Amino acid sequence: MRSERITSLARHVITLTMDTNITTVTQWLERTLDDSANKRISVP
């Protein structure tokens, strides 16, 4: 069960990288606020 839990949590971490990747490419010019709500969740 511990190993299974590792694989389960790892799946979540790996998919979270998509949040930051997409956030990076969708920032407008000098500032946009569509990063904020996502960043509060994905990074922690």
All heavy atoms as atom14 arrays in JSON, in Angstrom:
{
  "sequence": "MRSERITSLARHVITLTMDTNITTVTQWLERTLDDSANKRISVP",
  "atom14_mask": [
    [1, 1, 1, 1, 1, 1, 1, 1, 0, 0, 0, 0, 0, 0],
    [1, 1, 1, 1, 1, 1, 1, 1, 1, 1, 1, 0, 0, 0],
    [1, 1, 1, 1, 1, 1, 0, 0, 0, 0, 0, 0, 0, 0],
    [1, 1, 1, 1, 1, 1, 1, 1, 1, 0, 0, 0, 0, 0],
    [1, 1, 1, 1, 1, 1, 1, 1, 1, 1, 1, 0, 0, 0],
    [1, 1, 1, 1, 1, 1, 1, 1, 0, 0, 0, 0, 0, 0],
    [1, 1, 1, 1, 1, 1, 1, 0, 0, 0, 0, 0, 0, 0],
    [1, 1, 1, 1, 1, 1, 0, 0, 0, 0, 0, 0, 0, 0],
    [1, 1, 1, 1, 1, 1, 1, 1, 0, 0, 0, 0, 0, 0],
    [1, 1, 1, 1, 1, 0, 0, 0, 0, 0, 0, 0, 0, 0],
    [1, 1, 1, 1, 1, 1, 1, 1, 1, 1, 1, 0, 0, 0],
    [1, 1, 1, 1, 1, 1, 1, 1, 1, 1, 0, 0, 0, 0],
    [1, 1, 1, 1, 1, 1, 1, 0, 0, 0, 0, 0, 0, 0],
    [1, 1, 1, 1, 1, 1, 1, 1, 0, 0, 0, 0, 0, 0],
    [1, 1, 1, 1, 1, 1, 1, 0, 0, 0, 0, 0, 0, 0],
    [1, 1, 1, 1, 1, 1, 1, 1, 0, 0, 0, 0, 0, 0],
    [1, 1, 1, 1, 1, 1, 1, 0, 0, 0, 0, 0, 0, 0],
    [1, 1, 1, 1, 1, 1, 1, 1, 0, 0, 0, 0, 0, 0],
    [1, 1, 1, 1, 1, 1, 1, 1, 0, 0, 0, 0, 0, 0],
    [1, 1, 1, 1, 1, 1, 1, 0, 0, 0, 0, 0, 0, 0],
    [1, 1, 1, 1, 1, 1, 1, 1, 0, 0, 0, 0, 0, 0],
    [1, 1, 1, 1, 1, 1, 1, 1, 0, 0, 0, 0, 0, 0],
    [1, 1, 1, 1, 1, 1, 1, 0, 0, 0, 0, 0, 0, 0],
    [1, 1, 1, 1, 1, 1, 1, 0, 0, 0, 0, 0, 0, 0],
    [1, 1, 1, 1, 1, 1, 1, 0, 0, 0, 0, 0, 0, 0],
    [1, 1, 1, 1, 1, 1, 1, 0, 0, 0, 0, 0, 0, 0],
    [1, 1, 1, 1, 1, 1, 1, 1, 1, 0, 0, 0, 0, 0],
    [1, 1, 1, 1, 1, 1, 1, 1, 1, 1, 1, 1, 1, 1],
    [1, 1, 1, 1, 1, 1, 1, 1, 0, 0, 0, 0, 0, 0],
    [1, 1, 1, 1, 1, 1, 1, 1, 1, 0, 0, 0, 0, 0],
    [1, 1, 1, 1, 1, 1, 1, 1, 1, 1, 1, 0, 0, 0],
    [1, 1, 1, 1, 1, 1, 1, 0, 0, 0, 0, 0, 0, 0],
    [1, 1, 1, 1, 1, 1, 1, 1, 0, 0, 0, 0, 0, 0],
    [1, 1, 1, 1, 1, 1, 1, 1, 0, 0, 0, 0, 0, 0],
    [1, 1, 1, 1, 1, 1, 1, 1, 0, 0, 0, 0, 0, 0],
    [1, 1, 1, 1, 1, 1, 0, 0, 0, 0, 0, 0, 0, 0],
    [1, 1, 1, 1, 1, 0, 0, 0, 0, 0, 0, 0, 0, 0],
    [1, 1, 1, 1, 1, 1, 1, 1, 0, 0, 0, 0, 0, 0],
    [1, 1, 1, 1, 1, 1, 1, 1, 1, 0, 0, 0, 0, 0],
    [1, 1, 1, 1, 1, 1, 1, 1, 1, 1, 1, 0, 0, 0],
    [1, 1, 1, 1, 1, 1, 1, 1, 0, 0, 0, 0, 0, 0],
    [1, 1, 1, 1, 1, 1, 0, 0, 0, 0, 0, 0, 0, 0],
    [1, 1, 1, 1, 1, 1, 1, 0, 0, 0, 0, 0, 0, 0],
    [1, 1, 1, 1, 1, 1, 1, 0, 0, 0, 0, 0, 0, 0]
  ],
  "atom14_positions": [
    [[0.81, -1.23, 0.0], [0.0, 0.0, 0.0], [0.84, 1.27, 0.0], [0.45, 2.27, -0.59], [-0.97, 0.02, 1.18], [-0.37, -0.27, 2.55], [0.42, 1.16, 3.32], [-0.97, 2.2, 3.62], [0.0, 0.0, 0.0], [0.0, 0.0, 0.0], [0.0, 0.0, 0.0], [0.0, 0.0, 0.0], [0.0, 0.0, 0.0], [0.0, 0.0, 0.0]],
    [[2.01, 1.25, 0.63], [2.84, 2.45, 0.63], [3.37, 2.73, -0.79], [3.37, 3.87, -1.25], [4.02, 2.29, 1.59], [3.65, 2.24, 3.07], [4.93, 1.95, 3.85], [4.71, 1.91, 5.27], [4.28, 0.84, 5.95], [3.97, -0.26, 5.29], [4.15, 0.89, 7.26], [0.0, 0.0, 0.0], [0.0, 0.0, 0.0], [0.0, 0.0, 0.0]],
    [[3.82, 1.67, -1.45], [4.31, 1.84, -2.82], [3.19, 2.29, -3.75], [3.41, 3.13, -4.63], [4.9, 0.52, -3.32], [6.05, 0.17, -2.58], [0.0, 0.0, 0.0], [0.0, 0.0, 0.0], [0.0, 0.0, 0.0], [0.0, 0.0, 0.0], [0.0, 0.0, 0.0], [0.0, 0.0, 0.0], [0.0, 0.0, 0.0], [0.0, 0.0, 0.0]],
    [[2.02, 1.74, -3.54], [0.88, 2.17, -4.36], [0.55, 3.64, -4.1], [0.19, 4.38, -5.02], [-0.32, 1.28, -4.07], [-0.15, -0.13, -4.58], [-1.27, -1.07, -4.13], [-1.73, -0.98, -2.98], [-1.68, -1.9, -4.96], [0.0, 0.0, 0.0], [0.0, 0.0, 0.0], [0.0, 0.0, 0.0], [0.0, 0.0, 0.0], [0.0, 0.0, 0.0]],
    [[0.67, 4.06, -2.87], [0.41, 5.46, -2.53], [1.45, 6.37, -3.18], [1.13, 7.47, -3.63], [0.4, 5.65, -1.01], [-0.01, 7.04, -0.56], [-0.11, 7.14, 0.95], [-1.2, 6.33, 1.47], [-1.47, 6.17, 2.78], [-0.68, 6.75, 3.68], [-2.48, 5.43, 3.16], [0.0, 0.0, 0.0], [0.0, 0.0, 0.0], [0.0, 0.0, 0.0]],
    [[2.7, 5.91, -3.21], [3.75, 6.7, -3.89], [3.37, 6.91, -5.35], [3.44, 8.03, -5.88], [5.12, 6.0, -3.78], [5.69, 6.15, -2.36], [6.1, 6.59, -4.8], [6.98, 5.39, -2.14], [0.0, 0.0, 0.0], [0.0, 0.0, 0.0], [0.0, 0.0, 0.0], [0.0, 0.0, 0.0], [0.0, 0.0, 0.0], [0.0, 0.0, 0.0]],
    [[3.0, 5.83, -6.04], [2.68, 5.96, -7.46], [1.47, 6.87, -7.67], [1.4, 7.62, -8.65], [2.42, 4.59, -8.11], [1.34, 3.93, -7.44], [3.65, 3.72, -8.02], [0.0, 0.0, 0.0], [0.0, 0.0, 0.0], [0.0, 0.0, 0.0], [0.0, 0.0, 0.0], [0.0, 0.0, 0.0], [0.0, 0.0, 0.0], [0.0, 0.0, 0.0]],
    [[0.54, 6.82, -6.75], [-0.66, 7.65, -6.85], [-0.32, 9.13, -6.69], [-0.73, 9.99, -7.49], [-1.68, 7.23, -5.79], [-2.87, 7.95, -5.9], [0.0, 0.0, 0.0], [0.0, 0.0, 0.0], [0.0, 0.0, 0.0], [0.0, 0.0, 0.0], [0.0, 0.0, 0.0], [0.0, 0.0, 0.0], [0.0, 0.0, 0.0], [0.0, 0.0, 0.0]],
    [[0.45, 9.45, -5.65], [0.85, 10.84, -5.42], [1.78, 11.34, -6.52], [1.71, 12.51, -6.93], [1.54, 10.97, -4.06], [0.64, 10.82, -2.82], [1.47, 10.74, -1.55], [-0.37, 11.95, -2.73], [0.0, 0.0, 0.0], [0.0, 0.0, 0.0], [0.0, 0.0, 0.0], [0.0, 0.0, 0.0], [0.0, 0.0, 0.0], [0.0, 0.0, 0.0]],
    [[2.65, 10.46, -7.0], [3.59, 10.85, -8.07], [2.83, 11.26, -9.32], [3.2, 12.22, -10.02], [4.54, 9.7, -8.38], [0.0, 0.0, 0.0], [0.0, 0.0, 0.0], [0.0, 0.0, 0.0], [0.0, 0.0, 0.0], [0.0, 0.0, 0.0], [0.0, 0.0, 0.0], [0.0, 0.0, 0.0], [0.0, 0.0, 0.0], [0.0, 0.0, 0.0]],
    [[1.76, 10.56, -9.61], [0.94, 10.9, -10.78], [0.42, 12.33, -10.65], [0.39, 13.09, -11.62], [-0.22, 9.9, -10.86], [-0.96, 9.89, -12.17], [-2.01, 8.79, -12.15], [-1.45, 7.5, -11.78], [-2.05, 6.61, -10.98], [-3.23, 6.88, -10.46], [-1.48, 5.47, -10.71], [0.0, 0.0, 0.0], [0.0, 0.0, 0.0], [0.0, 0.0, 0.0]],
    [[0.03, 12.7, -9.43], [-0.5, 14.05, -9.19], [0.59, 15.1, -9.4], [0.37, 16.13, -10.05], [-1.08, 14.13, -7.78], [-1.67, 15.47, -7.44], [-2.67, 16.05, -8.2], [-1.43, 16.34, -6.43], [-3.0, 17.21, -7.67], [-2.27, 17.42, -6.61], [0.0, 0.0, 0.0], [0.0, 0.0, 0.0], [0.0, 0.0, 0.0], [0.0, 0.0, 0.0]],
    [[1.77, 14.84, -8.85], [2.88, 15.81, -8.99], [3.25, 16.0, -10.46], [3.45, 17.12, -10.93], [4.11, 15.35, -8.18], [5.29, 16.28, -8.43], [3.79, 15.3, -6.69], [0.0, 0.0, 0.0], [0.0, 0.0, 0.0], [0.0, 0.0, 0.0], [0.0, 0.0, 0.0], [0.0, 0.0, 0.0], [0.0, 0.0, 0.0], [0.0, 0.0, 0.0]],
    [[3.34, 14.9, -11.18], [3.73, 14.98, -12.58], [2.71, 15.77, -13.39], [3.07, 16.59, -14.24], [3.92, 13.56, -13.15], [5.14, 12.89, -12.49], [4.09, 13.59, -14.67], [5.22, 11.4, -12.7], [0.0, 0.0, 0.0], [0.0, 0.0, 0.0], [0.0, 0.0, 0.0], [0.0, 0.0, 0.0], [0.0, 0.0, 0.0], [0.0, 0.0, 0.0]],
    [[1.44, 15.56, -13.12], [0.42, 16.3, -13.88], [0.39, 17.77, -13.49], [0.02, 18.62, -14.32], [-0.98, 15.69, -13.66], [-1.3, 15.68, -12.26], [-1.05, 14.28, -14.2], [0.0, 0.0, 0.0], [0.0, 0.0, 0.0], [0.0, 0.0, 0.0], [0.0, 0.0, 0.0], [0.0, 0.0, 0.0], [0.0, 0.0, 0.0], [0.0, 0.0, 0.0]],
    [[0.79, 18.11, -12.26], [0.8, 19.51, -11.84], [1.79, 20.35, -12.65], [1.64, 21.57, -12.75], [1.13, 19.62, -10.35], [-0.02, 19.33, -9.38], [0.49, 19.32, -7.93], [-1.14, 20.36, -9.52], [0.0, 0.0, 0.0], [0.0, 0.0, 0.0], [0.0, 0.0, 0.0], [0.0, 0.0, 0.0], [0.0, 0.0, 0.0], [0.0, 0.0, 0.0]],
    [[2.8, 19.7, -13.22], [3.75, 20.47, -14.03], [3.06, 21.12, -15.22], [3.49, 22.17, -15.71], [4.9, 19.59, -14.55], [4.38, 18.54, -15.38], [5.67, 18.98, -13.39], [0.0, 0.0, 0.0], [0.0, 0.0, 0.0], [0.0, 0.0, 0.0], [0.0, 0.0, 0.0], [0.0, 0.0, 0.0], [0.0, 0.0, 0.0], [0.0, 0.0, 0.0]],
    [[1.98, 20.52, -15.68], [1.24, 21.11, -16.8], [0.65, 22.46, -16.41], [0.55, 23.36, -17.24], [0.14, 20.16, -17.27], [0.66, 18.93, -17.99], [1.7, 19.34, -19.41], [0.52, 20.2, -20.45], [0.0, 0.0, 0.0], [0.0, 0.0, 0.0], [0.0, 0.0, 0.0], [0.0, 0.0, 0.0], [0.0, 0.0, 0.0], [0.0, 0.0, 0.0]],
    [[0.25, 22.59, -15.14], [-0.29, 23.88, -14.68], [0.74, 24.99, -14.86], [0.44, 26.05, -15.42], [-0.69, 23.79, -13.21], [-2.06, 23.17, -13.01], [-2.71, 22.86, -14.01], [-2.47, 23.01, -11.85], [0.0, 0.0, 0.0], [0.0, 0.0, 0.0], [0.0, 0.0, 0.0], [0.0, 0.0, 0.0], [0.0, 0.0, 0.0], [0.0, 0.0, 0.0]],
    [[1.95, 24.75, -14.36], [2.97, 25.81, -14.44], [3.45, 26.0, -15.87], [3.78, 27.13, -16.27], [4.16, 25.49, -13.52], [4.62, 24.15, -13.78], [3.76, 25.61, -12.06], [0.0, 0.0, 0.0], [0.0, 0.0, 0.0], [0.0, 0.0, 0.0], [0.0, 0.0, 0.0], [0.0, 0.0, 0.0], [0.0, 0.0, 0.0], [0.0, 0.0, 0.0]],
    [[3.5, 24.93, -16.66], [3.91, 25.09, -18.06], [2.91, 25.95, -18.83], [3.29, 26.86, -19.58], [4.04, 23.72, -18.73], [5.17, 22.89, -18.16], [6.05, 23.41, -17.49], [5.15, 21.59, -18.42], [0.0, 0.0, 0.0], [0.0, 0.0, 0.0], [0.0, 0.0, 0.0], [0.0, 0.0, 0.0], [0.0, 0.0, 0.0], [0.0, 0.0, 0.0]],
    [[1.63, 25.65, -18.65], [0.6, 26.4, -19.37], [0.52, 27.83, -18.84], [0.35, 28.79, -19.61], [-0.76, 25.69, -19.26], [-0.7, 24.34, -20.0], [-1.88, 26.56, -19.82], [-1.9, 23.45, -19.76], [0.0, 0.0, 0.0], [0.0, 0.0, 0.0], [0.0, 0.0, 0.0], [0.0, 0.0, 0.0], [0.0, 0.0, 0.0], [0.0, 0.0, 0.0]],
    [[0.66, 27.98, -17.53], [0.64, 29.33, -16.96], [1.76, 30.19, -17.53], [1.57, 31.36, -17.85], [0.77, 29.27, -15.42], [-0.39, 28.61, -14.89], [0.87, 30.65, -14.81], [0.0, 0.0, 0.0], [0.0, 0.0, 0.0], [0.0, 0.0, 0.0], [0.0, 0.0, 0.0], [0.0, 0.0, 0.0], [0.0, 0.0, 0.0], [0.0, 0.0, 0.0]],
    [[2.94, 29.59, -17.68], [4.08, 30.33, -18.22], [3.78, 30.88, -19.62], [4.08, 32.04, -19.92], [5.33, 29.43, -18.28], [5.67, 29.02, -16.95], [6.51, 30.17, -18.89], [0.0, 0.0, 0.0], [0.0, 0.0, 0.0], [0.0, 0.0, 0.0], [0.0, 0.0, 0.0], [0.0, 0.0, 0.0], [0.0, 0.0, 0.0], [0.0, 0.0, 0.0]],
    [[3.17, 30.05, -20.45], [2.98, 30.47, -21.85], [1.76, 31.36, -22.05], [1.59, 31.94, -23.13], [2.89, 29.25, -22.79], [4.12, 28.39, -22.67], [1.63, 28.42, -22.52], [0.0, 0.0, 0.0], [0.0, 0.0, 0.0], [0.0, 0.0, 0.0], [0.0, 0.0, 0.0], [0.0, 0.0, 0.0], [0.0, 0.0, 0.0], [0.0, 0.0, 0.0]],
    [[0.92, 31.5, -21.03], [-0.3, 32.3, -21.21], [-0.25, 33.63, -20.48], [-1.27, 34.31, -20.36], [-1.54, 31.52, -20.75], [-1.36, 31.06, -19.4], [-1.79, 30.32, -21.64], [0.0, 0.0, 0.0], [0.0, 0.0, 0.0], [0.0, 0.0, 0.0], [0.0, 0.0, 0.0], [0.0, 0.0, 0.0], [0.0, 0.0, 0.0], [0.0, 0.0, 0.0]],
    [[0.92, 34.03, -19.99], [1.02, 35.35, -19.37], [1.06, 36.43, -20.46], [1.79, 36.31, -21.44], [2.29, 35.43, -18.5], [2.25, 34.52, -17.28], [1.05, 34.8, -16.39], [1.03, 35.78, -15.67], [0.05, 33.94, -16.47], [0.0, 0.0, 0.0], [0.0, 0.0, 0.0], [0.0, 0.0, 0.0], [0.0, 0.0, 0.0], [0.0, 0.0, 0.0]],
    [[0.31, 37.49, -20.25], [0.21, 38.55, -21.25], [1.15, 39.7, -20.91], [1.05, 40.29, -19.83], [-1.22, 39.1, -21.33], [-2.24, 38.12, -21.83], [-2.03, 36.84, -22.25], [-3.65, 38.37, -21.95], [-3.21, 36.27, -22.63], [-4.23, 37.18, -22.46], [-4.46, 39.47, -21.69], [-5.59, 37.06, -22.71], [-5.82, 39.36, -21.94], [-6.38, 38.17, -22.45]],
    [[2.03, 40.01, -21.82], [2.84, 41.22, -21.73], [3.46, 41.39, -20.34], [4.15, 40.49, -19.87], [2.0, 42.43, -22.15], [1.37, 42.29, -23.56], [0.42, 43.43, -23.87], [2.43, 42.13, -24.63], [0.0, 0.0, 0.0], [0.0, 0.0, 0.0], [0.0, 0.0, 0.0], [0.0, 0.0, 0.0], [0.0, 0.0, 0.0], [0.0, 0.0, 0.0]],
    [[3.23, 42.52, -19.66], [3.9, 42.77, -18.38], [3.18, 42.15, -17.18], [3.75, 42.01, -16.11], [4.05, 44.28, -18.14], [5.19, 44.93, -18.91], [4.93, 45.0, -20.39], [3.79, 45.37, -20.78], [5.85, 44.68, -21.18], [0.0, 0.0, 0.0], [0.0, 0.0, 0.0], [0.0, 0.0, 0.0], [0.0, 0.0, 0.0], [0.0, 0.0, 0.0]],
    [[1.9, 41.77, -17.35], [1.19, 41.19, -16.21], [-0.22, 40.78, -16.6], [-0.9, 41.48, -17.34], [1.1, 42.21, -15.07], [0.19, 41.83, -13.88], [0.66, 40.57, -13.21], [0.06, 40.36, -11.89], [-0.18, 39.16, -11.35], [0.12, 38.08, -12.03], [-0.7, 39.04, -10.16], [0.0, 0.0, 0.0], [0.0, 0.0, 0.0], [0.0, 0.0, 0.0]],
    [[-0.64, 39.62, -16.12], [-2.04, 39.2, -16.19], [-2.31, 38.4, -14.93], [-1.4, 37.87, -14.31], [-2.3, 38.38, -17.46], [-3.68, 38.05, -17.52], [-1.49, 37.11, -17.48], [0.0, 0.0, 0.0], [0.0, 0.0, 0.0], [0.0, 0.0, 0.0], [0.0, 0.0, 0.0], [0.0, 0.0, 0.0], [0.0, 0.0, 0.0], [0.0, 0.0, 0.0]],
    [[-3.57, 38.32, -14.55], [-3.89, 37.74, -13.24], [-4.4, 36.3, -13.33], [-4.77, 35.71, -12.33], [-4.93, 38.62, -12.53], [-5.06, 38.45, -11.01], [-3.75, 38.73, -10.3], [-6.16, 39.34, -10.46], [0.0, 0.0, 0.0], [0.0, 0.0, 0.0], [0.0, 0.0, 0.0], [0.0, 0.0, 0.0], [0.0, 0.0, 0.0], [0.0, 0.0, 0.0]],
    [[-4.38, 35.71, -14.51], [-4.9, 34.35, -14.61], [-3.91, 33.3, -14.09], [-4.16, 32.11, -14.17], [-5.31, 34.03, -16.05], [-4.15, 34.1, -17.02], [-3.1, 34.67, -16.66], [-4.29, 33.6, -18.15], [0.0, 0.0, 0.0], [0.0, 0.0, 0.0], [0.0, 0.0, 0.0], [0.0, 0.0, 0.0], [0.0, 0.0, 0.0], [0.0, 0.0, 0.0]],
    [[-2.79, 33.74, -13.58], [-1.85, 32.84, -12.92], [-2.18, 32.64, -11.44], [-1.85, 31.62, -10.84], [-0.42, 33.35, -13.05], [-0.24, 34.73, -12.42], [-1.24, 35.45, -12.28], [0.9, 35.09, -12.09], [0.0, 0.0, 0.0], [0.0, 0.0, 0.0], [0.0, 0.0, 0.0], [0.0, 0.0, 0.0], [0.0, 0.0, 0.0], [0.0, 0.0, 0.0]],
    [[-2.84, 33.61, -10.84], [-2.91, 33.7, -9.39], [-3.61, 32.51, -8.74], [-3.04, 31.83, -7.87], [-3.62, 34.99, -8.98], [-3.73, 35.08, -7.58], [0.0, 0.0, 0.0], [0.0, 0.0, 0.0], [0.0, 0.0, 0.0], [0.0, 0.0, 0.0], [0.0, 0.0, 0.0], [0.0, 0.0, 0.0], [0.0, 0.0, 0.0], [0.0, 0.0, 0.0]],
    [[-4.85, 32.24, -9.14], [-5.61, 31.16, -8.5], [-4.92, 29.82, -8.72], [-4.82, 28.98, -7.81], [-7.03, 31.13, -9.04], [0.0, 0.0, 0.0], [0.0, 0.0, 0.0], [0.0, 0.0, 0.0], [0.0, 0.0, 0.0], [0.0, 0.0, 0.0], [0.0, 0.0, 0.0], [0.0, 0.0, 0.0], [0.0, 0.0, 0.0], [0.0, 0.0, 0.0]],
    [[-4.41, 29.6, -9.95], [-3.73, 28.36, -10.26], [-2.46, 28.19, -9.44], [-2.17, 27.13, -8.9], [-3.42, 28.32, -11.76], [-2.82, 27.01, -12.2], [-1.68, 26.71, -11.91], [-3.61, 26.23, -12.92], [0.0, 0.0, 0.0], [0.0, 0.0, 0.0], [0.0, 0.0, 0.0], [0.0, 0.0, 0.0], [0.0, 0.0, 0.0], [0.0, 0.0, 0.0]],
    [[-1.71, 29.27, -9.34], [-0.43, 29.26, -8.63], [-0.62, 28.96, -7.14], [0.21, 28.28, -6.52], [0.24, 30.61, -8.85], [1.64, 30.8, -8.32], [2.15, 32.15, -8.83], [3.37, 32.64, -8.09], [4.53, 31.78, -8.27], [0.0, 0.0, 0.0], [0.0, 0.0, 0.0], [0.0, 0.0, 0.0], [0.0, 0.0, 0.0], [0.0, 0.0, 0.0]],
    [[-1.7, 29.48, -6.57], [-1.98, 29.25, -5.15], [-2.19, 27.76, -4.86], [-2.0, 27.31, -3.74], [-3.25, 30.0, -4.72], [-3.12, 31.5, -4.61], [-4.48, 32.11, -4.38], [-4.47, 33.56, -4.52], [-4.53, 34.41, -3.51], [-4.58, 33.96, -2.28], [-4.54, 35.71, -3.73], [0.0, 0.0, 0.0], [0.0, 0.0, 0.0], [0.0, 0.0, 0.0]],
    [[-2.64, 27.03, -5.87], [-2.93, 25.6, -5.69], [-1.76, 24.74, -6.14], [-1.29, 23.88, -5.4], [-4.2, 25.22, -6.49], [-5.41, 26.02, -6.0], [-4.46, 23.73, -6.4], [-6.61, 25.93, -6.92], [0.0, 0.0, 0.0], [0.0, 0.0, 0.0], [0.0, 0.0, 0.0], [0.0, 0.0, 0.0], [0.0, 0.0, 0.0], [0.0, 0.0, 0.0]],
    [[-1.28, 24.96, -7.36], [-0.34, 24.02, -7.97], [1.01, 23.99, -7.28], [1.59, 22.9, -7.07], [-0.15, 24.35, -9.46], [0.36, 25.66, -9.64], [0.0, 0.0, 0.0], [0.0, 0.0, 0.0], [0.0, 0.0, 0.0], [0.0, 0.0, 0.0], [0.0, 0.0, 0.0], [0.0, 0.0, 0.0], [0.0, 0.0, 0.0], [0.0, 0.0, 0.0]],
    [[1.54, 25.15, -6.89], [2.88, 25.17, -6.29], [2.88, 24.52, -4.9], [3.67, 23.6, -4.65], [3.45, 26.6, -6.27], [4.78, 26.62, -5.5], [3.66, 27.12, -7.69], [0.0, 0.0, 0.0], [0.0, 0.0, 0.0], [0.0, 0.0, 0.0], [0.0, 0.0, 0.0], [0.0, 0.0, 0.0], [0.0, 0.0, 0.0], [0.0, 0.0, 0.0]],
    [[2.02, 24.95, -3.97], [2.02, 24.27, -2.66], [1.7, 22.79, -2.77], [2.32, 21.96, -2.09], [0.93, 25.02, -1.88], [0.83, 26.35, -2.52], [1.1, 26.1, -3.98], [0.0, 0.0, 0.0], [0.0, 0.0, 0.0], [0.0, 0.0, 0.0], [0.0, 0.0, 0.0], [0.0, 0.0, 0.0], [0.0, 0.0, 0.0], [0.0, 0.0, 0.0]]
  ]
}
